[in-house]
C-alpha atoms as a PDB file:
ATOM      1  CA  MET A   1       0.138   0.285  -0.019  1.00  0.00           C
ATOM      2  CA  ILE A   2       1.098   3.482  -1.129  1.00  0.00           C
ATOM      3  CA  THR A   3       0.570   6.233   1.653  1.00  0.00           C
ATOM      4  CA  ILE A   4       0.731   9.582   0.331  1.00  0.00           C
ATOM      5  CA  VAL A   5       0.168  12.644   2.835  1.00  0.00           C
ATOM      6  CA  MET A   6      -0.362  16.500   1.750  1.00  0.00           C
ATOM      7  CA  SER A   7      -1.162  19.513   3.908  1.00  0.00           C
ATOM      8  CA  THR A   8      -2.260  22.830   3.660  1.00  0.00           C
ATOM      9  CA  LEU A   9      -2.911  25.597   5.363  1.00  0.00           C
ATOM     10  CA  VAL A  10      -6.054  27.162   5.104  1.00  0.00           C
ATOM     11  CA  GLU A  11      -7.039  30.902   6.061  1.00  0.00           C
ATOM     12  CA  ALA A  12     -10.944  30.686   7.140  1.00  0.00           C
ATOM     13  CA  PRO A  13     -12.757  29.100   9.536  1.00  0.00           C
ATOM     14  CA  PRO A  14     -13.858  25.330   9.953  1.00  0.00           C
ATOM     15  CA  GLU A  15     -17.117  26.138   9.288  1.00  0.00           C
ATOM     16  CA  ARG A  16     -17.114  27.776   6.161  1.00  0.00           C
ATOM     17  CA  VAL A  17     -14.321  24.843   5.159  1.00  0.00           C
ATOM     18  CA  TRP A  18     -16.405  22.229   6.026  1.00  0.00           C
ATOM     19  CA  ARG A  19     -19.062  23.960   3.935  1.00  0.00           C
ATOM     20  CA  ALA A  20     -16.752  23.702   0.798  1.00  0.00           C
ATOM     21  CA  LEU A  21     -15.964  20.382   1.425  1.00  0.00           C
ATOM     22  CA  THR A  22     -19.593  18.987   1.983  1.00  0.00           C
ATOM     23  CA  ALA A  23     -22.120  21.473  -0.382  1.00  0.00           C
ATOM     24  CA  PRO A  24     -22.262  19.849  -3.868  1.00  0.00           C
ATOM     25  CA  ALA A  25     -22.652  23.212  -5.531  1.00  0.00           C
ATOM     26  CA  GLU A  26     -19.226  24.074  -3.560  1.00  0.00           C
ATOM     27  CA  LEU A  27     -17.561  21.051  -4.427  1.00  0.00           C
ATOM     28  CA  VAL A  28     -17.856  21.751  -8.276  1.00  0.00           C
ATOM     29  CA  ALA A  29     -16.548  25.260  -7.554  1.00  0.00           C
ATOM     30  CA  TRP A  30     -13.850  24.763  -6.118  1.00  0.00           C
ATOM     31  CA  ASN A  31     -12.695  21.277  -7.988  1.00  0.00           C
ATOM     32  CA  GLN A  32     -11.955  21.501 -11.116  1.00  0.00           C
ATOM     33  CA  GLU A  33     -12.024  18.123 -11.790  1.00  0.00           C
ATOM     34  CA  MET A  34     -15.612  17.197 -10.559  1.00  0.00           C
ATOM     35  CA  LEU A  35     -18.526  18.287 -12.749  1.00  0.00           C
ATOM     36  CA  ALA A  36     -21.660  17.738 -11.664  1.00  0.00           C
ATOM     37  CA  PRO A  37     -23.289  15.529  -9.158  1.00  0.00           C
ATOM     38  CA  VAL A  38     -25.214  12.334 -11.252  1.00  0.00           C
ATOM     39  CA  GLU A  39     -27.744  12.893  -8.440  1.00  0.00           C
ATOM     40  CA  THR A  40     -28.583  15.263  -6.001  1.00  0.00           C
ATOM     41  CA  PRO A  41     -26.893  13.718  -3.002  1.00  0.00           C
ATOM     42  CA  THR A  42     -29.243  13.916  -0.142  1.00  0.00           C
ATOM     43  CA  GLY A  43     -28.300  14.982   2.737  1.00  0.00           C
ATOM     44  CA  TYR A  44     -24.492  14.297   1.950  1.00  0.00           C
ATOM     45  CA  PRO A  45     -22.217  13.349   3.300  1.00  0.00           C
ATOM     46  CA  PHE A  46     -23.249  11.058   6.049  1.00  0.00           C
ATOM     47  CA  SER A  47     -21.034   7.285   6.436  1.00  0.00           C
ATOM     48  CA  GLY A  48     -22.251   4.631   4.296  1.00  0.00           C
ATOM     49  CA  GLN A  49     -23.665   6.784   1.717  1.00  0.00           C
ATOM     50  CA  HIS A  50     -22.870   6.161  -2.228  1.00  0.00           C
ATOM     51  CA  VAL A  51     -22.780   9.254  -4.405  1.00  0.00           C
ATOM     52  CA  ARG A  52     -21.839   9.452  -7.768  1.00  0.00           C
ATOM     53  CA  TRP A  53     -20.159  12.678  -9.556  1.00  0.00           C
ATOM     54  CA  ARG A  54     -18.897  13.582 -13.228  1.00  0.00           C
ATOM     55  CA  TYR A  55     -15.851  14.176 -12.983  1.00  0.00           C
ATOM     56  CA  ARG A  56     -12.872  15.514 -15.249  1.00  0.00           C
ATOM     57  CA  LEU A  57      -9.152  13.049 -15.340  1.00  0.00           C
ATOM     58  CA  GLY A  58      -6.880  13.983 -18.256  1.00  0.00           C
ATOM     59  CA  GLY A  59      -9.513  15.517 -19.988  1.00  0.00           C
ATOM     60  CA  VAL A  60     -12.062  12.379 -20.197  1.00  0.00           C
ATOM     61  CA  GLN A  61     -15.145  12.548 -18.414  1.00  0.00           C
ATOM     62  CA  LEU A  62     -15.881   9.501 -15.946  1.00  0.00           C
ATOM     63  CA  VAL A  63     -18.222   8.431 -13.268  1.00  0.00           C
ATOM     64  CA  MET A  64     -16.664   9.148  -9.443  1.00  0.00           C
ATOM     65  CA  HIS A  65     -18.169   6.734  -6.591  1.00  0.00           C
ATOM     66  CA  ASP A  66     -17.749   8.539  -2.995  1.00  0.00           C
ATOM     67  CA  ARG A  67     -18.286   6.334  -0.469  1.00  0.00           C
ATOM     68  CA  PRO A  68     -18.062   8.834   3.236  1.00  0.00           C
ATOM     69  CA  LEU A  69     -16.569   6.328   5.932  1.00  0.00           C
ATOM     70  CA  GLU A  70     -16.556   8.944   8.324  1.00  0.00           C
ATOM     71  CA  VAL A  71     -17.857  12.078   9.317  1.00  0.00           C
ATOM     72  CA  LEU A  72     -17.256  13.971  11.924  1.00  0.00           C
ATOM     73  CA  PRO A  73     -19.515  17.914  11.152  1.00  0.00           C
ATOM     74  CA  ARG A  74     -16.820  20.217  10.803  1.00  0.00           C
ATOM     75  CA  GLU A  75     -13.638  17.795  12.081  1.00  0.00           C
ATOM     76  CA  LYS A  76     -13.481  15.228   9.586  1.00  0.00           C
ATOM     77  CA  LEU A  77     -14.766  13.815   6.390  1.00  0.00           C
ATOM     78  CA  ARG A  78     -13.080  10.255   5.671  1.00  0.00           C
ATOM     79  CA  SER A  79     -13.745   8.604   2.295  1.00  0.00           C
ATOM     80  CA  ALA A  80     -13.535   5.937   0.137  1.00  0.00           C
ATOM     81  CA  ILE A  81     -12.963   7.449  -3.478  1.00  0.00           C
ATOM     82  CA  THR A  82     -12.844   5.518  -6.807  1.00  0.00           C
ATOM     83  CA  ILE A  83     -12.103   6.473 -10.301  1.00  0.00           C
ATOM     84  CA  GLY A  84     -12.605   4.319 -13.229  1.00  0.00           C
ATOM     85  CA  SER A  85      -9.957   1.859 -12.136  1.00  0.00           C
ATOM     86  CA  MET A  86      -8.195   3.817  -9.591  1.00  0.00           C
ATOM     87  CA  ARG A  87      -9.301   3.920  -5.795  1.00  0.00           C
ATOM     88  CA  TYR A  88      -7.835   5.454  -2.430  1.00  0.00           C
ATOM     89  CA  GLU A  89      -9.576   6.664   0.771  1.00  0.00           C
ATOM     90  CA  GLN A  90      -8.914  10.343   1.038  1.00  0.00           C
ATOM     91  CA  THR A  91      -9.131  11.878   4.447  1.00  0.00           C
ATOM     92  CA  PHE A  92      -9.517  15.740   5.116  1.00  0.00           C
ATOM     93  CA  THR A  93      -9.057  16.812   8.989  1.00  0.00           C
ATOM     94  CA  LEU A  94     -10.181  20.511   9.744  1.00  0.00           C
END
């Protein structure tokens, strides 16, 4: 297993960062690869949910499967992500 860790300092209140990570319209606005949810994700995010997003990877449109694993509002969002044959876990800690 390969582990890659990246961090960045975001100069915004945790509530604002959380909204950017969890509001579908905001996710699409700040992440250029995410084009739109395939269907509007009701109550996103909650653990065990499966949300599909239209996603652009290298100019090719794919479906990204997002499965939240751990959701601690305004603290932590950990998800299992699948895009084509690529699979990884993604964790945001505020």
